[in-house]
Amino acid sequence: MTSIRFYLIAVTLACITLVDFVSAIHGYHSSMAAAEQLFDTQLTEMTKMAATARTAHHKEGLPRPRHDGLTAFQIWREEGVLISHSANAPEAPMAPFVNGFHDRNFGGYRWRVYAHHEQALQEWSFIAERSDVRYELAEKVILESVFPVILGLPLVAIMIGVIVTLGMKHLGQLSGQLCNKAADDLTPITLEKPPKEIRPLLKAINGLLQRLEASFLREKHFAGDAAHELRTPISVLKVQLYNLKTEWPGQLNALKPLEKSIHRMNHLVEQILSLYRTAPDQYMAKFEPLELMALAQSAIAACYHLFDDKQQNIKLVGCTCRLTGDRFALETLLQNLLANANKYSPEASEILVSVNNTPDAVILQIEDSGPGIPEDKYQRVFERFYRLNDDRHKSSAVGCGLGLAIVQHIVELHGASINLGRSCFNSGLRVAVRFPQGQ
């Protein structure tokens, strides 16, 4: 069932049609029986009137009538002599010499014959009517009464559609409010005088929204507490590490694993907080007109020391490309993609950043010279905490498997799309983000 409205209209109309059909069949048979009885009564009366008229004519010496048409008649003496008949009547008796109705075939038609014995004249009168004419007349009368019912079904369907639509008005209002709600709008839904059938659904939806709002508030509080509780001890560890390096300058190599672990821990905390902040259902985006080429230049300048440390050659090409987006989110996207390109590209390698316009989109591409990613892993790398090689990367690059998950959040926030592929270098990964024009 794809549509409640269509289901209600179709089922109601089908029920009405079925009832009308059954009623029409029953009415047809009943009306045919009643018409048959009426015609038989009429035939009986005609025969008796003819016999009475013949008796009067016989007494006055008038000639016997002869006629033809849709009816036929015969007059027989008791001794079996045909004394009068219509032109379409056969020479033989039309029916047995028995009072009552008989169905006989002659002249190529089926006839309803009524036999009547007139004692005064000692004669038998037979009057017959063609059965097909009787049925045709009866059917015409019946069908003329049924046709208006059949022709009225489309009007009934329209009326049912209007009634069902009006009855589902509140459901449509509820659906409209849900569809028009923003991702961060968890306020209760209100309907003016909702019917009692909608009230449980409305109550359940508002209860769900209330629980979601409470859950999101708990997550926000957790993010704030985590930022404070985790950053503080990491900062203390950094200070203590600096003191250790100062006091024991000869033990720098021994302190490197500790320094690396502290750096990794700090990176993990910052990435977890960034993942939460950039979630489309949490992030309070502030969209504004931006120039993507300028954002790319600023992002490259901000992390240029990382490329310089590895003697990597990074190049930015393209043109001025304007779009509407959130500045902080797009800066975070660029920083994560540039950081990945820096970490997984070897020393003295090439990195290419391009920003271009197409008739329907603004495209940002970052291509590195690293080992790349197998095509069958293109979708999995966007999962949180997933890293290649059994989910734990073996390289010396600091990472936690959240960078591309954060990038995907930001892409969804802007209604954009992201695709992975092979870079233009001998090896490496190409990340292409496509922002629709007008976004």
Protein backbone atom coordinates (compact mmCIF):
# COMPACT_ATOMS: atom_id res chain seq x y z
CA MET A 1 0.00 0.00 0.00
CA THR A 2 1.77 3.12 -1.25
CA SER A 3 -0.96 5.67 -0.47
CA ILE A 4 -3.53 5.67 2.31
CA ARG A 5 -5.67 8.14 0.34
CA PHE A 6 -5.64 5.96 -2.77
CA TYR A 7 -6.32 2.84 -0.68
CA LEU A 8 -9.34 4.37 1.06
CA ILE A 9 -10.79 5.76 -2.17
CA ALA A 10 -10.21 2.51 -4.09
CA VAL A 11 -11.58 0.22 -1.38
CA THR A 12 -14.62 2.41 -0.69
CA LEU A 13 -15.42 2.76 -4.38
CA ALA A 14 -14.90 -0.97 -4.91
CA CYS A 15 -17.29 -1.78 -2.05
CA ILE A 16 -19.92 0.62 -3.42
CA THR A 17 -19.50 -0.82 -6.93
CA LEU A 18 -19.77 -4.38 -5.61
CA VAL A 19 -22.92 -3.58 -3.63
CA ASP A 20 -24.41 -1.78 -6.64
CA PHE A 21 -23.52 -4.71 -8.88
CA VAL A 22 -25.06 -7.31 -6.57
CA SER A 23 -28.11 -5.10 -6.07
CA ALA A 24 -28.42 -4.57 -9.82
CA ILE A 25 -28.26 -8.32 -10.50
CA HIS A 26 -30.82 -9.05 -7.80
CA GLY A 27 -32.99 -6.17 -9.00
CA TYR A 28 -32.67 -7.37 -12.59
CA HIS A 29 -33.89 -10.87 -11.78
CA SER A 30 -36.64 -9.56 -9.50
CA SER A 31 -37.75 -7.00 -12.08
CA MET A 32 -37.69 -9.57 -14.89
CA ALA A 33 -39.84 -11.90 -12.80
CA ALA A 34 -42.25 -9.06 -11.98
CA ALA A 35 -42.37 -7.99 -15.64
CA GLU A 36 -42.98 -11.58 -16.70
CA GLN A 37 -45.87 -11.81 -14.28
CA LEU A 38 -47.23 -8.48 -15.46
CA PHE A 39 -47.05 -9.55 -19.13
CA ASP A 40 -48.71 -12.87 -18.32
CA THR A 41 -51.50 -11.06 -16.51
CA GLN A 42 -51.88 -8.74 -19.47
CA LEU A 43 -51.95 -11.72 -21.84
CA THR A 44 -54.59 -13.43 -19.71
CA GLU A 45 -56.77 -10.36 -19.72
CA MET A 46 -56.34 -9.95 -23.47
CA THR A 47 -57.42 -13.53 -24.06
CA LYS A 48 -60.49 -13.23 -21.84
CA MET A 49 -61.43 -9.89 -23.41
CA ALA A 50 -61.06 -11.42 -26.86
CA ALA A 51 -63.25 -14.38 -25.85
CA THR A 52 -65.89 -12.05 -24.38
CA ALA A 53 -65.83 -9.87 -27.47
CA ARG A 54 -66.12 -12.94 -29.71
CA THR A 55 -69.11 -14.13 -27.74
CA ALA A 56 -70.81 -10.76 -28.29
CA HIS A 57 -69.87 -10.70 -31.97
CA HIS A 58 -71.09 -14.26 -32.44
CA LYS A 59 -74.44 -13.37 -30.97
CA GLU A 60 -74.72 -10.30 -33.19
CA GLY A 61 -73.43 -12.14 -36.24
CA LEU A 62 -70.37 -9.94 -36.71
CA PRO A 63 -67.35 -11.28 -38.62
CA ARG A 64 -64.45 -12.77 -36.62
CA PRO A 65 -61.38 -10.57 -36.34
CA ARG A 66 -58.12 -11.32 -38.16
CA HIS A 67 -54.80 -9.57 -37.43
CA ASP A 68 -51.02 -10.02 -37.38
CA GLY A 69 -47.95 -8.42 -35.69
CA LEU A 70 -46.01 -9.09 -32.52
CA THR A 71 -48.89 -11.12 -31.16
CA ALA A 72 -50.67 -14.10 -32.65
CA PHE A 73 -54.01 -15.79 -32.02
CA GLN A 74 -55.98 -18.87 -32.92
CA ILE A 75 -59.59 -19.89 -32.29
CA TRP A 76 -60.41 -23.58 -32.37
CA ARG A 77 -63.63 -25.48 -31.99
CA GLU A 78 -63.69 -28.25 -29.46
CA GLU A 79 -63.76 -30.81 -32.25
CA GLY A 80 -60.39 -29.48 -33.46
CA VAL A 81 -61.41 -27.22 -36.29
CA LEU A 82 -59.46 -23.96 -36.76
CA ILE A 83 -61.99 -21.25 -37.35
CA SER A 84 -59.85 -18.10 -37.07
CA HIS A 85 -56.21 -17.13 -36.70
CA SER A 86 -53.76 -14.30 -37.29
CA ALA A 87 -51.56 -14.22 -40.33
CA ASN A 88 -48.45 -15.12 -38.32
CA ALA A 89 -50.10 -18.07 -36.51
CA PRO A 90 -49.41 -21.63 -37.67
CA GLU A 91 -52.08 -24.02 -38.99
CA ALA A 92 -51.47 -26.39 -36.08
CA PRO A 93 -52.52 -25.57 -32.52
CA MET A 94 -50.09 -23.11 -30.95
CA ALA A 95 -50.37 -24.91 -27.58
CA PRO A 96 -52.03 -27.94 -25.99
CA PHE A 97 -55.74 -27.67 -25.32
CA VAL A 98 -55.08 -27.05 -21.64
CA ASN A 99 -55.99 -23.86 -19.81
CA GLY A 100 -52.94 -21.83 -18.79
CA PHE A 101 -49.56 -20.64 -20.07
CA HIS A 102 -47.30 -22.49 -22.47
CA ASP A 103 -43.96 -21.68 -24.11
CA ARG A 104 -43.79 -22.75 -27.74
CA ASN A 105 -41.64 -22.20 -30.82
CA PHE A 106 -43.09 -21.34 -34.22
CA GLY A 107 -42.47 -18.87 -36.99
CA GLY A 108 -38.78 -18.67 -36.00
CA TYR A 109 -39.50 -17.16 -32.56
CA ARG A 110 -40.14 -18.22 -29.01
CA TRP A 111 -43.70 -17.44 -27.95
CA ARG A 112 -45.55 -17.17 -24.66
CA VAL A 113 -49.00 -18.68 -25.30
CA TYR A 114 -52.08 -18.50 -23.14
CA ALA A 115 -54.84 -21.06 -23.75
CA HIS A 116 -58.44 -20.34 -22.67
CA HIS A 117 -61.54 -22.51 -23.08
CA GLU A 118 -64.77 -20.60 -23.59
CA GLN A 119 -67.62 -22.81 -22.42
CA ALA A 120 -70.35 -20.63 -23.96
CA LEU A 121 -68.98 -21.03 -27.49
CA GLN A 122 -67.34 -24.41 -26.94
CA GLU A 123 -64.16 -22.93 -28.41
CA TRP A 124 -60.50 -22.66 -27.48
CA SER A 125 -58.74 -19.27 -27.73
CA PHE A 126 -54.96 -19.05 -28.01
CA ILE A 127 -53.19 -15.68 -27.76
CA ALA A 128 -49.39 -15.56 -27.98
CA GLU A 129 -46.73 -12.88 -27.52
CA ARG A 130 -43.15 -13.05 -28.72
CA SER A 131 -40.89 -13.74 -25.75
CA ASP A 132 -37.97 -11.76 -27.19
CA VAL A 133 -40.10 -8.63 -27.43
CA ARG A 134 -41.25 -9.08 -23.86
CA TYR A 135 -37.68 -9.53 -22.60
CA GLU A 136 -36.41 -6.62 -24.69
CA LEU A 137 -39.03 -4.30 -23.28
CA ALA A 138 -38.42 -5.48 -19.72
CA GLU A 139 -34.63 -5.19 -20.06
CA LYS A 140 -34.94 -1.71 -21.51
CA VAL A 141 -36.99 -0.55 -18.55
CA ILE A 142 -34.60 -2.18 -16.06
CA LEU A 143 -31.40 -0.94 -17.72
CA GLU A 144 -32.76 2.59 -17.92
CA SER A 145 -33.11 2.46 -14.13
CA VAL A 146 -29.63 0.90 -13.62
CA PHE A 147 -27.65 3.12 -16.00
CA PRO A 148 -27.94 6.26 -13.83
CA VAL A 149 -26.38 4.30 -10.94
CA ILE A 150 -23.46 3.17 -13.13
CA LEU A 151 -22.94 6.58 -14.67
CA GLY A 152 -22.98 8.10 -11.19
CA LEU A 153 -19.97 6.04 -10.02
CA PRO A 154 -17.38 8.60 -11.27
CA LEU A 155 -19.22 11.32 -9.38
CA VAL A 156 -19.29 9.10 -6.30
CA ALA A 157 -15.53 8.51 -6.72
CA ILE A 158 -14.88 12.27 -6.84
CA MET A 159 -17.04 12.83 -3.76
CA ILE A 160 -15.25 10.02 -1.90
CA GLY A 161 -11.88 11.51 -2.90
CA VAL A 162 -12.87 14.93 -1.59
CA ILE A 163 -14.23 13.46 1.65
CA VAL A 164 -11.13 11.30 2.23
CA THR A 165 -8.84 14.25 1.47
CA LEU A 166 -10.69 16.44 3.96
CA GLY A 167 -10.59 13.62 6.50
CA MET A 168 -6.81 13.28 6.08
CA LYS A 169 -6.21 17.03 6.32
CA HIS A 170 -4.65 16.83 9.77
CA LEU A 171 -2.40 13.96 8.69
CA GLY A 172 -1.18 16.10 5.79
CA GLN A 173 -0.54 19.02 8.17
CA LEU A 174 1.45 16.70 10.45
CA SER A 175 3.49 15.40 7.52
CA GLY A 176 4.10 18.96 6.27
CA GLN A 177 5.37 20.15 9.64
CA LEU A 178 7.72 17.17 9.93
CA CYS A 179 9.09 17.69 6.41
CA ASN A 180 9.63 21.43 6.96
CA LYS A 181 11.43 21.03 10.26
CA ALA A 182 15.08 22.01 10.26
CA ALA A 183 17.65 19.45 11.40
CA ASP A 184 18.17 21.31 14.70
CA ASP A 185 14.48 22.09 15.31
CA LEU A 186 13.20 19.73 18.00
CA THR A 187 10.25 21.85 19.18
CA PRO A 188 6.91 20.02 19.62
CA ILE A 189 4.47 19.83 16.70
CA THR A 190 1.11 21.52 17.21
CA LEU A 191 -2.12 20.92 15.29
CA GLU A 192 -5.35 22.87 15.65
CA LYS A 193 -8.11 20.59 17.00
CA PRO A 194 -6.55 17.27 15.93
CA PRO A 195 -9.00 14.33 15.68
CA LYS A 196 -8.71 11.63 18.31
CA GLU A 197 -7.17 9.18 15.79
CA ILE A 198 -4.22 11.56 15.24
CA ARG A 199 -3.65 12.45 18.89
CA PRO A 200 -1.73 9.25 19.85
CA LEU A 201 0.57 9.68 16.83
CA LEU A 202 1.09 13.37 17.62
CA LYS A 203 1.83 12.53 21.25
CA ALA A 204 4.33 9.82 20.26
CA ILE A 205 6.16 12.12 17.80
CA ASN A 206 6.39 14.96 20.33
CA GLY A 207 7.63 12.49 22.93
CA LEU A 208 10.31 11.31 20.53
CA LEU A 209 11.36 14.90 19.77
CA GLN A 210 11.58 15.63 23.48
CA ARG A 211 13.78 12.58 24.08
CA LEU A 212 15.99 13.49 21.13
CA GLU A 213 16.42 17.02 22.44
CA ALA A 214 17.38 15.69 25.87
CA SER A 215 19.83 13.26 24.26
CA PHE A 216 21.45 15.99 22.17
CA LEU A 217 21.76 18.21 25.22
CA ARG A 218 23.55 15.41 27.07
CA GLU A 219 25.90 15.00 24.11
CA LYS A 220 26.60 18.73 24.05
CA HIS A 221 27.39 18.69 27.74
CA PHE A 222 29.60 15.67 27.22
CA ALA A 223 31.48 17.44 24.41
CA GLY A 224 32.09 20.47 26.62
CA ASP A 225 33.17 18.33 29.56
CA ALA A 226 35.38 16.17 27.36
CA ALA A 227 37.05 19.25 25.87
CA HIS A 228 37.90 20.47 29.35
CA GLU A 229 38.68 17.18 31.08
CA LEU A 230 40.80 15.71 28.27
CA ARG A 231 42.63 18.80 27.07
CA THR A 232 43.79 19.75 30.55
CA PRO A 233 45.72 16.55 31.35
CA ILE A 234 47.17 16.46 27.83
CA SER A 235 48.44 20.01 28.31
CA VAL A 236 49.98 18.93 31.62
CA LEU A 237 51.68 16.00 29.90
CA LYS A 238 53.10 18.31 27.26
CA VAL A 239 54.54 20.58 29.97
CA GLN A 240 56.03 17.63 31.83
CA LEU A 241 57.52 16.27 28.60
CA TYR A 242 59.12 19.65 27.94
CA ASN A 243 60.58 19.64 31.46
CA LEU A 244 61.96 16.14 30.97
CA LYS A 245 63.64 17.19 27.74
CA THR A 246 65.19 20.16 29.52
CA GLU A 247 66.45 18.16 32.51
CA TRP A 248 67.69 15.15 30.52
CA PRO A 249 68.84 16.40 27.15
CA GLY A 250 70.71 13.17 26.60
CA GLN A 251 67.49 11.12 26.72
CA LEU A 252 65.69 12.76 23.81
CA ASN A 253 65.55 9.53 21.79
CA ALA A 254 64.02 7.68 24.74
CA LEU A 255 61.37 10.37 25.11
CA LYS A 256 60.32 10.28 21.46
CA PRO A 257 57.76 7.43 21.90
CA LEU A 258 56.18 9.39 24.76
CA GLU A 259 56.09 12.55 22.67
CA LYS A 260 54.53 10.67 19.78
CA SER A 261 51.87 9.13 22.03
CA ILE A 262 50.97 12.50 23.57
CA HIS A 263 50.71 14.03 20.11
CA ARG A 264 48.53 11.13 18.96
CA MET A 265 46.28 11.48 22.00
CA ASN A 266 45.90 15.22 21.46
CA HIS A 267 45.10 14.63 17.78
CA LEU A 268 42.49 12.01 18.67
CA VAL A 269 40.73 14.31 21.16
CA GLU A 270 40.64 17.19 18.69
CA GLN A 271 39.32 14.94 15.91
CA ILE A 272 36.57 13.49 18.12
CA LEU A 273 35.44 17.00 19.04
CA SER A 274 35.58 18.07 15.38
CA LEU A 275 33.55 15.00 14.37
CA TYR A 276 30.83 15.96 16.85
CA ARG A 277 30.86 19.65 15.95
CA THR A 278 30.56 19.01 12.20
CA ALA A 279 27.71 16.47 12.35
CA PRO A 280 24.91 17.83 10.09
CA ASP A 281 22.27 17.25 12.77
CA GLN A 282 24.31 19.12 15.40
CA TYR A 283 26.24 21.81 13.61
CA MET A 284 24.71 25.30 13.70
CA ALA A 285 25.92 26.31 10.26
CA LYS A 286 26.27 29.97 9.35
CA PHE A 287 26.19 30.04 5.57
CA GLU A 288 27.63 33.03 3.79
CA PRO A 289 29.07 33.84 0.34
CA LEU A 290 32.67 32.56 0.18
CA GLU A 291 35.49 32.34 -2.32
CA LEU A 292 36.88 28.79 -2.37
CA MET A 293 40.22 29.66 -3.97
CA ALA A 294 40.96 32.14 -1.16
CA LEU A 295 39.98 29.54 1.48
CA ALA A 296 42.33 27.02 -0.14
CA GLN A 297 45.19 29.54 -0.15
CA SER A 298 44.65 30.29 3.56
CA ALA A 299 44.48 26.60 4.47
CA ILE A 300 47.70 25.83 2.59
CA ALA A 301 49.45 28.77 4.24
CA ALA A 302 48.27 27.64 7.69
CA CYS A 303 49.82 24.19 7.36
CA TYR A 304 52.66 25.04 4.99
CA HIS A 305 55.24 24.19 7.68
CA LEU A 306 54.11 20.55 7.49
CA PHE A 307 54.86 20.40 3.76
CA ASP A 308 58.11 22.26 4.30
CA ASP A 309 59.24 19.76 6.96
CA LYS A 310 58.90 16.92 4.44
CA GLN A 311 60.20 19.04 1.55
CA GLN A 312 56.98 18.42 -0.36
CA ASN A 313 56.03 20.54 -3.35
CA ILE A 314 52.38 21.65 -3.10
CA LYS A 315 50.76 23.47 -6.01
CA LEU A 316 47.42 25.32 -6.13
CA VAL A 317 45.76 25.84 -9.54
CA GLY A 318 42.36 26.94 -10.71
CA CYS A 319 40.26 30.06 -10.77
CA THR A 320 38.03 32.20 -8.60
CA CYS A 321 35.05 30.09 -7.52
CA ARG A 322 32.25 31.47 -5.40
CA LEU A 323 29.88 29.40 -3.31
CA THR A 324 27.69 29.69 -0.23
CA GLY A 325 28.93 27.76 2.79
CA ASP A 326 30.09 27.78 6.38
CA ARG A 327 33.59 29.23 6.67
CA PHE A 328 34.71 27.23 9.72
CA ALA A 329 33.39 23.93 8.29
CA LEU A 330 35.06 24.43 4.91
CA GLU A 331 38.35 25.39 6.58
CA THR A 332 38.13 22.18 8.63
CA LEU A 333 37.47 20.17 5.45
CA LEU A 334 40.51 21.67 3.71
CA GLN A 335 42.75 21.17 6.75
CA ASN A 336 41.83 17.49 7.05
CA LEU A 337 42.32 16.76 3.34
CA LEU A 338 45.63 18.65 3.25
CA ALA A 339 46.79 16.90 6.44
CA ASN A 340 46.03 13.49 4.90
CA ALA A 341 47.89 14.41 1.71
CA ASN A 342 50.87 15.56 3.78
CA LYS A 343 50.93 12.52 6.08
CA TYR A 344 50.65 9.81 3.46
CA SER A 345 52.84 11.35 0.75
CA PRO A 346 56.58 10.63 0.99
CA GLU A 347 59.24 13.29 1.37
CA ALA A 348 60.03 15.46 -1.67
CA SER A 349 56.77 14.38 -3.36
CA GLU A 350 54.17 16.32 -5.30
CA ILE A 351 50.72 17.45 -4.07
CA LEU A 352 48.22 19.19 -6.34
CA VAL A 353 45.23 21.25 -5.20
CA SER A 354 42.79 22.49 -7.86
CA VAL A 355 39.65 24.65 -7.66
CA ASN A 356 37.49 24.86 -10.78
CA ASN A 357 34.09 25.94 -12.00
CA THR A 358 31.72 23.90 -14.17
CA PRO A 359 28.29 25.01 -15.45
CA ASP A 360 26.57 23.26 -12.55
CA ALA A 361 29.15 22.85 -9.79
CA VAL A 362 32.30 24.08 -8.03
CA ILE A 363 34.86 21.29 -7.78
CA LEU A 364 37.68 21.03 -5.24
CA GLN A 365 40.35 18.37 -5.90
CA ILE A 366 43.35 17.35 -3.81
CA GLU A 367 45.77 14.81 -5.32
CA ASP A 368 48.73 13.34 -3.47
CA SER A 369 51.67 11.01 -4.24
CA GLY A 370 51.08 8.53 -1.43
CA PRO A 371 50.32 4.80 -1.62
CA GLY A 372 46.66 5.48 -2.44
CA ILE A 373 43.64 3.43 -1.38
CA PRO A 374 42.36 0.22 -3.04
CA GLU A 375 39.12 0.80 -4.91
CA ASP A 376 37.25 -1.77 -2.81
CA LYS A 377 38.02 0.33 0.30
CA TYR A 378 36.73 3.67 -1.07
CA GLN A 379 33.49 3.48 0.93
CA ARG A 380 34.92 2.03 4.12
CA VAL A 381 37.48 4.79 4.66
CA PHE A 382 34.59 7.17 5.47
CA GLU A 383 33.64 5.05 8.48
CA ARG A 384 34.66 6.37 11.86
CA PHE A 385 37.94 4.97 13.27
CA TYR A 386 38.52 2.84 10.16
CA ARG A 387 42.09 2.65 8.93
CA LEU A 388 43.64 0.43 6.31
CA ASN A 389 45.46 -2.81 7.22
CA ASP A 390 43.07 -4.37 9.73
CA ASP A 391 41.83 -0.99 10.94
CA ARG A 392 45.24 -0.12 12.39
CA HIS A 393 47.59 1.76 10.07
CA LYS A 394 51.18 0.49 10.17
CA SER A 395 52.82 3.67 8.96
CA SER A 396 54.44 6.23 11.22
CA ALA A 397 51.78 8.81 10.35
CA VAL A 398 49.71 9.96 13.29
CA GLY A 399 46.03 9.27 12.64
CA CYS A 400 42.89 7.97 14.26
CA GLY A 401 40.60 7.18 11.31
CA LEU A 402 38.31 10.19 11.78
CA GLY A 403 39.58 12.67 9.17
CA LEU A 404 37.49 11.47 6.23
CA ALA A 405 34.46 10.91 8.48
CA ILE A 406 34.65 14.60 9.44
CA VAL A 407 35.06 15.56 5.78
CA GLN A 408 31.97 13.55 4.86
CA HIS A 409 29.94 15.32 7.57
CA ILE A 410 30.92 18.69 6.13
CA VAL A 411 30.15 17.51 2.59
CA GLU A 412 26.65 16.42 3.68
CA LEU A 413 26.17 19.70 5.53
CA HIS A 414 26.70 21.58 2.24
CA GLY A 415 24.62 19.23 0.08
CA ALA A 416 27.79 18.32 -1.83
CA SER A 417 29.26 14.96 -2.92
CA ILE A 418 32.70 13.41 -2.49
CA ASN A 419 34.46 10.87 -4.71
CA LEU A 420 37.79 9.07 -4.46
CA GLY A 421 40.01 7.98 -7.33
CA ARG A 422 43.58 7.65 -8.57
CA SER A 423 45.68 10.79 -8.62
CA CYS A 424 47.40 12.20 -11.68
CA PHE A 425 50.79 11.10 -10.29
CA ASN A 426 52.37 7.66 -10.56
CA SER A 427 50.64 6.69 -7.32
CA GLY A 428 48.38 8.39 -4.85
CA LEU A 429 44.79 9.31 -4.07
CA ARG A 430 42.52 11.91 -5.65
CA VAL A 431 39.76 13.39 -3.48
CA ALA A 432 37.13 15.37 -5.40
CA VAL A 433 34.43 17.39 -3.63
CA ARG A 434 31.62 18.66 -5.84
CA PHE A 435 29.56 21.63 -4.56
CA PRO A 436 26.36 22.29 -6.57
CA GLN A 437 26.15 25.78 -8.06
CA GLY A 438 24.09 28.13 -5.92
CA GLN A 439 24.87 26.07 -2.81
